[in-house]
């Protein structure tokens, strides 16, 4: 499989910069695999294509406010810091990306907040833009996390061409988000509303949940033509025995299984091929 096979033009005017008023009222394209016919529907119509005992598998990861802006000591230069994952809770160590990276070296200190209430020291380089930061904070893990997140922004994709807005705190999160750890929202799951899921439940459709903490690698450019040579970033994945049993039972009984989004599909493919 080659990258060039997937190239297409996507007009900017067709990229939504804000969510629809109601989660379940975005567009839905339905392709009939047997005939090739295409229907244009509204997302909440998805319920028409599933029956009693079919199962939807969702990713219940929760996005945290991963984008911070700080100032470099002495020069005062503005630095964007993107939190990727916590490395050590006791010592407040985080794996991050910085921009512009050329200005940030080991030993530099970064100050966050209007009153410089949060300070971090660069203690290691990991990649060209990657750094390990040690936040200098007196307090336990919960206190630190609360203070850190108060300074962060919702990490909406940059291709939207706008900054964070109040609506993003709620809408860049699925209604079933539970386990914190993602820096990218599982996009397909954003379209499910409480009303739609209640209608699905009444129809007898079952739900199962797994957790895949979607990382920034979802937005990295693919720079190889041969896709077998593309290296994906690692991501934390949790699939419980209960979820595995639900899916296997539905499969054995001949019911349809809908993996909601690429994160769920990747998770299910991974767990099958590694066991």
C-alpha atoms as a PDB file:
ATOM      1  CA  UNK A   1       0.000   0.000   0.000  1.00  0.00           C
ATOM      2  CA  UNK A   2       1.407   3.371  -1.053  1.00  0.00           C
ATOM      3  CA  UNK A   3       0.750   6.826   0.405  1.00  0.00           C
ATOM      4  CA  UNK A   4       0.086   8.328  -3.036  1.00  0.00           C
ATOM      5  CA  UNK A   5      -2.986   6.111  -3.378  1.00  0.00           C
ATOM      6  CA  UNK A   6      -4.699   8.125  -0.660  1.00  0.00           C
ATOM      7  CA  UNK A   7      -4.016  11.648  -1.912  1.00  0.00           C
ATOM      8  CA  UNK A   8      -7.054  13.800  -2.582  1.00  0.00           C
ATOM      9  CA  UNK A   9      -8.053  17.447  -2.540  1.00  0.00           C
ATOM     10  CA  UNK A  10     -10.104  18.610   0.429  1.00  0.00           C
ATOM     11  CA  UNK A  11     -11.398  22.169  -0.011  1.00  0.00           C
ATOM     12  CA  UNK A  12     -10.894  24.278   3.118  1.00  0.00           C
ATOM     13  CA  UNK A  13     -14.515  25.411   3.005  1.00  0.00           C
ATOM     14  CA  UNK A  14     -15.551  21.818   3.728  1.00  0.00           C
ATOM     15  CA  UNK A  15     -13.539  21.629   6.958  1.00  0.00           C
ATOM     16  CA  UNK A  16     -15.818  22.516   9.860  1.00  0.00           C
ATOM     17  CA  UNK A  17     -14.118  24.886  12.305  1.00  0.00           C
ATOM     18  CA  UNK A  18     -16.862  24.606  14.932  1.00  0.00           C
ATOM     19  CA  UNK A  19     -19.108  21.702  15.967  1.00  0.00           C
ATOM     20  CA  UNK A  20     -22.736  21.543  14.883  1.00  0.00           C
ATOM     21  CA  UNK A  21     -25.274  22.868  17.374  1.00  0.00           C
ATOM     22  CA  UNK A  22     -26.342  19.332  18.245  1.00  0.00           C
ATOM     23  CA  UNK A  23     -23.812  16.501  18.384  1.00  0.00           C
ATOM     24  CA  UNK A  24     -25.882  14.040  16.381  1.00  0.00           C
ATOM     25  CA  UNK A  25     -26.873  16.378  13.531  1.00  0.00           C
ATOM     26  CA  UNK A  26     -23.680  16.387  11.486  1.00  0.00           C
ATOM     27  CA  UNK A  27     -23.626  14.754   8.065  1.00  0.00           C
ATOM     28  CA  UNK A  28     -23.467  10.981   7.623  1.00  0.00           C
ATOM     29  CA  UNK A  29     -22.481   9.287   4.364  1.00  0.00           C
ATOM     30  CA  UNK A  30     -23.698   5.715   4.047  1.00  0.00           C
ATOM     31  CA  UNK A  31     -22.098   3.411   1.457  1.00  0.00           C
ATOM     32  CA  UNK A  32     -23.817   0.161   0.535  1.00  0.00           C
ATOM     33  CA  UNK A  33     -20.960  -2.345   0.225  1.00  0.00           C
ATOM     34  CA  UNK A  34     -22.933  -4.661  -2.049  1.00  0.00           C
ATOM     35  CA  UNK A  35     -24.252  -2.130  -4.558  1.00  0.00           C
ATOM     36  CA  UNK A  36     -21.880   0.798  -4.104  1.00  0.00           C
ATOM     37  CA  UNK A  37     -24.855   3.140  -3.685  1.00  0.00           C
ATOM     38  CA  UNK A  38     -24.241   6.232  -1.557  1.00  0.00           C
ATOM     39  CA  UNK A  39     -26.797   7.900   0.714  1.00  0.00           C
ATOM     40  CA  UNK A  40     -26.389  11.259   2.432  1.00  0.00           C
ATOM     41  CA  UNK A  41     -28.024  11.231   5.852  1.00  0.00           C
ATOM     42  CA  UNK A  42     -27.846  12.919   9.281  1.00  0.00           C
ATOM     43  CA  UNK A  43     -25.684  11.169  11.878  1.00  0.00           C
ATOM     44  CA  UNK A  44     -28.563  10.270  14.194  1.00  0.00           C
ATOM     45  CA  UNK A  45     -29.961   8.165  11.332  1.00  0.00           C
ATOM     46  CA  UNK A  46     -27.190   5.634  12.033  1.00  0.00           C
ATOM     47  CA  UNK A  47     -29.659   3.841  14.286  1.00  0.00           C
ATOM     48  CA  UNK A  48     -31.616   2.754  11.187  1.00  0.00           C
ATOM     49  CA  UNK A  49     -28.788   0.444  10.116  1.00  0.00           C
ATOM     50  CA  UNK A  50     -28.498  -1.621  13.325  1.00  0.00           C
ATOM     51  CA  UNK A  51     -30.771  -4.016  15.184  1.00  0.00           C
ATOM     52  CA  UNK A  52     -31.349  -5.681  18.541  1.00  0.00           C
ATOM     53  CA  UNK A  53     -28.170  -7.217  20.036  1.00  0.00           C
ATOM     54  CA  UNK A  54     -25.824  -5.500  17.607  1.00  0.00           C
ATOM     55  CA  UNK A  55     -22.977  -3.900  19.542  1.00  0.00           C
ATOM     56  CA  UNK A  56     -21.208  -0.541  19.340  1.00  0.00           C
ATOM     57  CA  UNK A  57     -17.686  -0.373  20.770  1.00  0.00           C
ATOM     58  CA  UNK A  58     -16.627   3.067  22.044  1.00  0.00           C
ATOM     59  CA  UNK A  59     -13.342   4.585  23.195  1.00  0.00           C
ATOM     60  CA  UNK A  60     -13.920   6.111  26.651  1.00  0.00           C
ATOM     61  CA  UNK A  61     -10.619   7.997  26.841  1.00  0.00           C
ATOM     62  CA  UNK A  62     -10.782  11.519  28.244  1.00  0.00           C
ATOM     63  CA  UNK A  63      -8.861  14.474  26.820  1.00  0.00           C
ATOM     64  CA  UNK A  64      -6.927  16.681  29.243  1.00  0.00           C
ATOM     65  CA  UNK A  65      -5.917  20.361  28.695  1.00  0.00           C
ATOM     66  CA  UNK A  66      -2.556  19.543  27.151  1.00  0.00           C
ATOM     67  CA  UNK A  67      -1.552  22.818  25.463  1.00  0.00           C
ATOM     68  CA  UNK A  68       0.257  25.427  27.583  1.00  0.00           C
ATOM     69  CA  UNK A  69       2.010  28.677  26.781  1.00  0.00           C
ATOM     70  CA  UNK A  70       4.960  29.796  28.868  1.00  0.00           C
ATOM     71  CA  UNK A  71       7.868  32.199  28.764  1.00  0.00           C
ATOM     72  CA  UNK A  72      11.530  31.373  28.645  1.00  0.00           C
ATOM     73  CA  UNK A  73      13.694  32.725  31.449  1.00  0.00           C
ATOM     74  CA  UNK A  74      15.756  35.863  30.725  1.00  0.00           C
ATOM     75  CA  UNK A  75      14.519  36.386  27.137  1.00  0.00           C
ATOM     76  CA  UNK A  76      10.795  36.144  27.900  1.00  0.00           C
ATOM     77  CA  UNK A  77      10.204  34.391  24.545  1.00  0.00           C
ATOM     78  CA  UNK A  78       6.780  32.721  24.270  1.00  0.00           C
ATOM     79  CA  UNK A  79       7.060  28.935  24.138  1.00  0.00           C
ATOM     80  CA  UNK A  80       4.269  26.490  23.373  1.00  0.00           C
ATOM     81  CA  UNK A  81       4.424  23.340  25.487  1.00  0.00           C
ATOM     82  CA  UNK A  82       2.316  20.348  24.542  1.00  0.00           C
ATOM     83  CA  UNK A  83       1.971  17.817  27.352  1.00  0.00           C
ATOM     84  CA  UNK A  84       2.140  14.241  26.102  1.00  0.00           C
ATOM     85  CA  UNK A  85       2.281  12.043  29.194  1.00  0.00           C
ATOM     86  CA  UNK A  86       3.301  12.064  32.819  1.00  0.00           C
ATOM     87  CA  UNK A  87       6.524  10.127  33.416  1.00  0.00           C
ATOM     88  CA  UNK A  88       6.791  10.359  37.189  1.00  0.00           C
ATOM     89  CA  UNK A  89       4.056  11.601  39.508  1.00  0.00           C
ATOM     90  CA  UNK A  90       6.280  12.076  42.563  1.00  0.00           C
ATOM     91  CA  UNK A  91       8.839  14.290  40.801  1.00  0.00           C
ATOM     92  CA  UNK A  92       6.344  15.943  38.393  1.00  0.00           C
ATOM     93  CA  UNK A  93       8.189  14.766  35.275  1.00  0.00           C
ATOM     94  CA  UNK A  94       6.427  15.111  31.914  1.00  0.00           C
ATOM     95  CA  UNK A  95       7.198  14.131  28.353  1.00  0.00           C
ATOM     96  CA  UNK A  96       6.360  17.185  26.196  1.00  0.00           C
ATOM     97  CA  UNK A  97       6.811  18.827  22.813  1.00  0.00           C
ATOM     98  CA  UNK A  98       8.046  22.413  22.637  1.00  0.00           C
ATOM     99  CA  UNK A  99       7.770  25.023  19.898  1.00  0.00           C
ATOM    100  CA  UNK A 100       9.999  26.669  18.801  1.00  0.00           C
ATOM    101  CA  UNK A 101      12.285  23.826  19.832  1.00  0.00           C
ATOM    102  CA  UNK A 102      15.514  25.512  18.714  1.00  0.00           C
ATOM    103  CA  UNK A 103      15.237  27.945  21.624  1.00  0.00           C
ATOM    104  CA  UNK A 104      14.846  25.321  24.337  1.00  0.00           C
ATOM    105  CA  UNK A 105      17.894  23.553  25.757  1.00  0.00           C
ATOM    106  CA  UNK A 106      18.652  21.414  28.783  1.00  0.00           C
ATOM    107  CA  UNK A 107      18.828  23.606  31.871  1.00  0.00           C
ATOM    108  CA  UNK A 108      16.409  26.268  30.600  1.00  0.00           C
ATOM    109  CA  UNK A 109      13.518  27.262  32.840  1.00  0.00           C
ATOM    110  CA  UNK A 110      10.016  28.041  31.614  1.00  0.00           C
ATOM    111  CA  UNK A 111       7.464  30.141  33.510  1.00  0.00           C
ATOM    112  CA  UNK A 112       3.706  29.668  33.221  1.00  0.00           C
ATOM    113  CA  UNK A 113       0.748  31.766  34.339  1.00  0.00           C
ATOM    114  CA  UNK A 114       0.285  35.532  34.580  1.00  0.00           C
ATOM    115  CA  UNK A 115       2.127  35.525  37.896  1.00  0.00           C
ATOM    116  CA  UNK A 116       4.703  32.880  36.885  1.00  0.00           C
ATOM    117  CA  UNK A 117       3.053  30.572  39.422  1.00  0.00           C
ATOM    118  CA  UNK A 118       4.328  27.443  37.686  1.00  0.00           C
ATOM    119  CA  UNK A 119       7.977  26.835  36.794  1.00  0.00           C
ATOM    120  CA  UNK A 120       9.478  23.958  34.809  1.00  0.00           C
ATOM    121  CA  UNK A 121      13.066  23.013  34.103  1.00  0.00           C
ATOM    122  CA  UNK A 122      14.197  21.223  30.941  1.00  0.00           C
ATOM    123  CA  UNK A 123      16.151  18.154  32.038  1.00  0.00           C
ATOM    124  CA  UNK A 124      16.438  16.101  28.823  1.00  0.00           C
ATOM    125  CA  UNK A 125      16.007  16.068  25.043  1.00  0.00           C
ATOM    126  CA  UNK A 126      13.949  13.195  23.653  1.00  0.00           C
ATOM    127  CA  UNK A 127      13.354  14.017  19.961  1.00  0.00           C
ATOM    128  CA  UNK A 128      13.887  17.055  17.755  1.00  0.00           C
ATOM    129  CA  UNK A 129      10.937  18.785  19.432  1.00  0.00           C
ATOM    130  CA  UNK A 130      10.613  16.528  22.448  1.00  0.00           C
ATOM    131  CA  UNK A 131      11.776  17.439  25.938  1.00  0.00           C
ATOM    132  CA  UNK A 132      11.454  16.111  29.467  1.00  0.00           C
ATOM    133  CA  UNK A 133      10.284  18.783  31.896  1.00  0.00           C
ATOM    134  CA  UNK A 134      10.460  18.736  35.678  1.00  0.00           C
ATOM    135  CA  UNK A 135       7.852  21.021  37.158  1.00  0.00           C
ATOM    136  CA  UNK A 136       9.025  22.708  40.351  1.00  0.00           C
ATOM    137  CA  UNK A 137       5.962  22.442  42.530  1.00  0.00           C
ATOM    138  CA  UNK A 138       5.502  21.940  46.272  1.00  0.00           C
ATOM    139  CA  UNK A 139       2.472  19.746  46.751  1.00  0.00           C
ATOM    140  CA  UNK A 140       1.072  16.291  46.098  1.00  0.00           C
ATOM    141  CA  UNK A 141       0.146  14.835  42.724  1.00  0.00           C
ATOM    142  CA  UNK A 142      -3.507  15.873  42.842  1.00  0.00           C
ATOM    143  CA  UNK A 143      -2.659  19.463  43.803  1.00  0.00           C
ATOM    144  CA  UNK A 144      -0.031  19.680  41.084  1.00  0.00           C
ATOM    145  CA  UNK A 145      -2.295  18.264  38.398  1.00  0.00           C
ATOM    146  CA  UNK A 146      -5.081  20.676  39.325  1.00  0.00           C
ATOM    147  CA  UNK A 147      -2.710  23.645  39.156  1.00  0.00           C
ATOM    148  CA  UNK A 148      -1.161  22.467  35.888  1.00  0.00           C
ATOM    149  CA  UNK A 149      -4.486  21.831  34.166  1.00  0.00           C
ATOM    150  CA  UNK A 150      -5.770  25.254  35.243  1.00  0.00           C
ATOM    151  CA  UNK A 151      -3.045  26.731  33.035  1.00  0.00           C
ATOM    152  CA  UNK A 152      -3.715  24.452  30.056  1.00  0.00           C
ATOM    153  CA  UNK A 153      -5.946  24.785  27.021  1.00  0.00           C
ATOM    154  CA  UNK A 154      -8.112  22.229  25.266  1.00  0.00           C
ATOM    155  CA  UNK A 155      -5.808  20.802  22.552  1.00  0.00           C
ATOM    156  CA  UNK A 156      -8.078  21.357  19.562  1.00  0.00           C
ATOM    157  CA  UNK A 157      -6.428  20.511  16.215  1.00  0.00           C
ATOM    158  CA  UNK A 158      -4.425  23.337  14.685  1.00  0.00           C
ATOM    159  CA  UNK A 159      -5.916  22.702  11.253  1.00  0.00           C
ATOM    160  CA  UNK A 160      -9.122  24.299  12.558  1.00  0.00           C
ATOM    161  CA  UNK A 161      -7.282  27.595  12.276  1.00  0.00           C
ATOM    162  CA  UNK A 162      -8.582  29.085  15.512  1.00  0.00           C
ATOM    163  CA  UNK A 163      -7.783  29.277  19.190  1.00  0.00           C
ATOM    164  CA  UNK A 164      -9.535  27.574  22.079  1.00  0.00           C
ATOM    165  CA  UNK A 165     -13.072  28.767  22.846  1.00  0.00           C
ATOM    166  CA  UNK A 166     -15.308  28.055  25.855  1.00  0.00           C
ATOM    167  CA  UNK A 167     -17.393  25.589  23.835  1.00  0.00           C
ATOM    168  CA  UNK A 168     -14.346  23.370  23.289  1.00  0.00           C
ATOM    169  CA  UNK A 169     -14.082  22.333  26.950  1.00  0.00           C
ATOM    170  CA  UNK A 170     -17.353  20.449  26.555  1.00  0.00           C
ATOM    171  CA  UNK A 171     -17.578  19.641  22.863  1.00  0.00           C
ATOM    172  CA  UNK A 172     -14.005  18.377  22.351  1.00  0.00           C
ATOM    173  CA  UNK A 173     -14.929  15.514  24.665  1.00  0.00           C
ATOM    174  CA  UNK A 174     -17.253  12.558  24.172  1.00  0.00           C
ATOM    175  CA  UNK A 175     -20.264  12.274  26.475  1.00  0.00           C
ATOM    176  CA  UNK A 176     -18.900   8.926  27.730  1.00  0.00           C
ATOM    177  CA  UNK A 177     -15.321  10.153  28.369  1.00  0.00           C
ATOM    178  CA  UNK A 178     -14.124   8.522  31.573  1.00  0.00           C
ATOM    179  CA  UNK A 179     -10.434   7.614  31.710  1.00  0.00           C
ATOM    180  CA  UNK A 180      -8.110  10.598  31.388  1.00  0.00           C
ATOM    181  CA  UNK A 181      -5.025  10.403  29.206  1.00  0.00           C
ATOM    182  CA  UNK A 182      -5.715  11.493  25.609  1.00  0.00           C
ATOM    183  CA  UNK A 183      -4.382  14.579  23.865  1.00  0.00           C
ATOM    184  CA  UNK A 184      -6.545  13.917  20.798  1.00  0.00           C
ATOM    185  CA  UNK A 185     -10.282  13.288  21.061  1.00  0.00           C
ATOM    186  CA  UNK A 186     -11.685  10.098  19.474  1.00  0.00           C
ATOM    187  CA  UNK A 187     -13.453  12.113  16.779  1.00  0.00           C
ATOM    188  CA  UNK A 188     -16.124   9.638  15.670  1.00  0.00           C
ATOM    189  CA  UNK A 189     -17.387   9.340  19.235  1.00  0.00           C
ATOM    190  CA  UNK A 190     -17.981  13.101  19.441  1.00  0.00           C
ATOM    191  CA  UNK A 191     -21.150  12.725  17.343  1.00  0.00           C
ATOM    192  CA  UNK A 192     -23.045  10.566  19.831  1.00  0.00           C
ATOM    193  CA  UNK A 193     -25.553  12.456  21.982  1.00  0.00           C
ATOM    194  CA  UNK A 194     -27.296  11.231  25.113  1.00  0.00           C
ATOM    195  CA  UNK A 195     -30.572  11.256  23.206  1.00  0.00           C
ATOM    196  CA  UNK A 196     -29.193   9.104  20.396  1.00  0.00           C
ATOM    197  CA  UNK A 197     -27.631   6.606  22.787  1.00  0.00           C
ATOM    198  CA  UNK A 198     -30.924   6.350  24.686  1.00  0.00           C
ATOM    199  CA  UNK A 199     -32.753   5.592  21.431  1.00  0.00           C
ATOM    200  CA  UNK A 200     -30.142   2.959  20.608  1.00  0.00           C
ATOM    201  CA  UNK A 201     -30.570   1.424  24.056  1.00  0.00           C
ATOM    202  CA  UNK A 202     -34.356   1.264  23.638  1.00  0.00           C
ATOM    203  CA  UNK A 203     -33.857  -0.491  20.284  1.00  0.00           C
ATOM    204  CA  UNK A 204     -31.773  -3.135  22.046  1.00  0.00           C
ATOM    205  CA  UNK A 205     -28.360  -2.141  20.724  1.00  0.00           C
ATOM    206  CA  UNK A 206     -25.565  -2.984  23.163  1.00  0.00           C
ATOM    207  CA  UNK A 207     -22.565  -0.843  24.141  1.00  0.00           C
ATOM    208  CA  UNK A 208     -19.020  -1.881  25.037  1.00  0.00           C
ATOM    209  CA  UNK A 209     -16.088   0.318  26.026  1.00  0.00           C
ATOM    210  CA  UNK A 210     -12.327   0.178  25.734  1.00  0.00           C
ATOM    211  CA  UNK A 211      -9.679   2.802  26.454  1.00  0.00           C
ATOM    212  CA  UNK A 212      -7.053   3.949  23.986  1.00  0.00           C
ATOM    213  CA  UNK A 213      -5.336   7.189  24.961  1.00  0.00           C
ATOM    214  CA  UNK A 214      -5.009   8.840  21.563  1.00  0.00           C
ATOM    215  CA  UNK A 215      -1.688  10.607  21.186  1.00  0.00           C
ATOM    216  CA  UNK A 216      -0.356  13.412  19.028  1.00  0.00           C
ATOM    217  CA  UNK A 217       0.952  10.822  16.578  1.00  0.00           C
ATOM    218  CA  UNK A 218      -2.527  10.862  15.058  1.00  0.00           C
ATOM    219  CA  UNK A 219      -1.616  14.216  13.505  1.00  0.00           C
ATOM    220  CA  UNK A 220       1.969  13.519  12.499  1.00  0.00           C
ATOM    221  CA  UNK A 221       2.729  13.693   8.797  1.00  0.00           C
ATOM    222  CA  UNK A 222       3.464  10.403   7.063  1.00  0.00           C
ATOM    223  CA  UNK A 223       6.766  10.927   5.252  1.00  0.00           C
ATOM    224  CA  UNK A 224       7.235   7.514   3.631  1.00  0.00           C
ATOM    225  CA  UNK A 225       5.639   6.316   0.390  1.00  0.00           C
ATOM    226  CA  UNK A 226       5.577   2.668   1.509  1.00  0.00           C
ATOM    227  CA  UNK A 227       3.056   2.613   4.361  1.00  0.00           C
ATOM    228  CA  UNK A 228       4.510  -0.592   5.806  1.00  0.00           C
ATOM    229  CA  UNK A 229       7.543   1.494   6.772  1.00  0.00           C
ATOM    230  CA  UNK A 230       5.524   4.088   8.710  1.00  0.00           C
ATOM    231  CA  UNK A 231       6.159   3.915  12.458  1.00  0.00           C
ATOM    232  CA  UNK A 232       3.206   4.749  14.670  1.00  0.00           C
ATOM    233  CA  UNK A 233       3.741   6.346  18.058  1.00  0.00           C
ATOM    234  CA  UNK A 234       2.962   4.063  20.994  1.00  0.00           C
ATOM    235  CA  UNK A 235      -0.307   4.618  22.870  1.00  0.00           C
ATOM    236  CA  UNK A 236      -1.691   3.150  26.077  1.00  0.00           C
ATOM    237  CA  UNK A 237      -4.465   0.621  25.494  1.00  0.00           C
ATOM    238  CA  UNK A 238      -6.800  -1.082  27.966  1.00  0.00           C
ATOM    239  CA  UNK A 239      -9.416  -3.680  26.975  1.00  0.00           C
ATOM    240  CA  UNK A 240     -11.194  -5.377  29.854  1.00  0.00           C
ATOM    241  CA  UNK A 241     -12.234  -9.016  29.897  1.00  0.00           C
ATOM    242  CA  UNK A 242     -15.849  -7.835  30.087  1.00  0.00           C
ATOM    243  CA  UNK A 243     -15.530  -5.945  26.804  1.00  0.00           C
ATOM    244  CA  UNK A 244     -13.758  -8.872  25.130  1.00  0.00           C
ATOM    245  CA  UNK A 245     -16.513 -11.224  26.283  1.00  0.00           C
ATOM    246  CA  UNK A 246     -19.247  -8.854  25.017  1.00  0.00           C
ATOM    247  CA  UNK A 247     -17.704  -8.568  21.560  1.00  0.00           C
ATOM    248  CA  UNK A 248     -16.935 -12.272  21.247  1.00  0.00           C
ATOM    249  CA  UNK A 249     -20.465 -13.226  22.285  1.00  0.00           C
ATOM    250  CA  UNK A 250     -22.000 -10.857  19.717  1.00  0.00           C
ATOM    251  CA  UNK A 251     -19.690 -12.235  17.034  1.00  0.00           C
ATOM    252  CA  UNK A 252     -20.492 -15.855  17.906  1.00  0.00           C
ATOM    253  CA  UNK A 253     -24.219 -15.089  17.735  1.00  0.00           C
ATOM    254  CA  UNK A 254     -23.930 -13.426  14.330  1.00  0.00           C
ATOM    255  CA  UNK A 255     -24.667  -9.869  15.406  1.00  0.00           C
ATOM    256  CA  UNK A 256     -23.008  -6.826  13.880  1.00  0.00           C
ATOM    257  CA  UNK A 257     -20.122  -5.136  15.668  1.00  0.00           C
ATOM    258  CA  UNK A 258     -19.494  -1.455  15.029  1.00  0.00           C
ATOM    259  CA  UNK A 259     -16.076  -0.103  15.989  1.00  0.00           C
ATOM    260  CA  UNK A 260     -16.705   3.596  16.554  1.00  0.00           C
ATOM    261  CA  UNK A 261     -13.736   5.358  14.991  1.00  0.00           C
ATOM    262  CA  UNK A 262     -10.211   4.471  13.978  1.00  0.00           C
ATOM    263  CA  UNK A 263      -8.931   4.395  17.562  1.00  0.00           C
ATOM    264  CA  UNK A 264     -11.341   1.578  18.420  1.00  0.00           C
ATOM    265  CA  UNK A 265     -10.564  -0.254  15.184  1.00  0.00           C
ATOM    266  CA  UNK A 266      -6.808  -0.031  15.828  1.00  0.00           C
ATOM    267  CA  UNK A 267      -7.289  -1.200  19.398  1.00  0.00           C
ATOM    268  CA  UNK A 268      -9.346  -4.226  18.367  1.00  0.00           C
ATOM    269  CA  UNK A 269      -6.954  -5.138  15.548  1.00  0.00           C
ATOM    270  CA  UNK A 270      -4.004  -4.832  17.930  1.00  0.00           C
ATOM    271  CA  UNK A 271      -5.470  -7.042  20.641  1.00  0.00           C
ATOM    272  CA  UNK A 272      -6.390  -9.733  18.086  1.00  0.00           C
ATOM    273  CA  UNK A 273      -2.996  -9.802  16.383  1.00  0.00           C
ATOM    274  CA  UNK A 274      -0.981  -9.834  19.628  1.00  0.00           C
ATOM    275  CA  UNK A 275      -2.809 -12.682  21.359  1.00  0.00           C
END
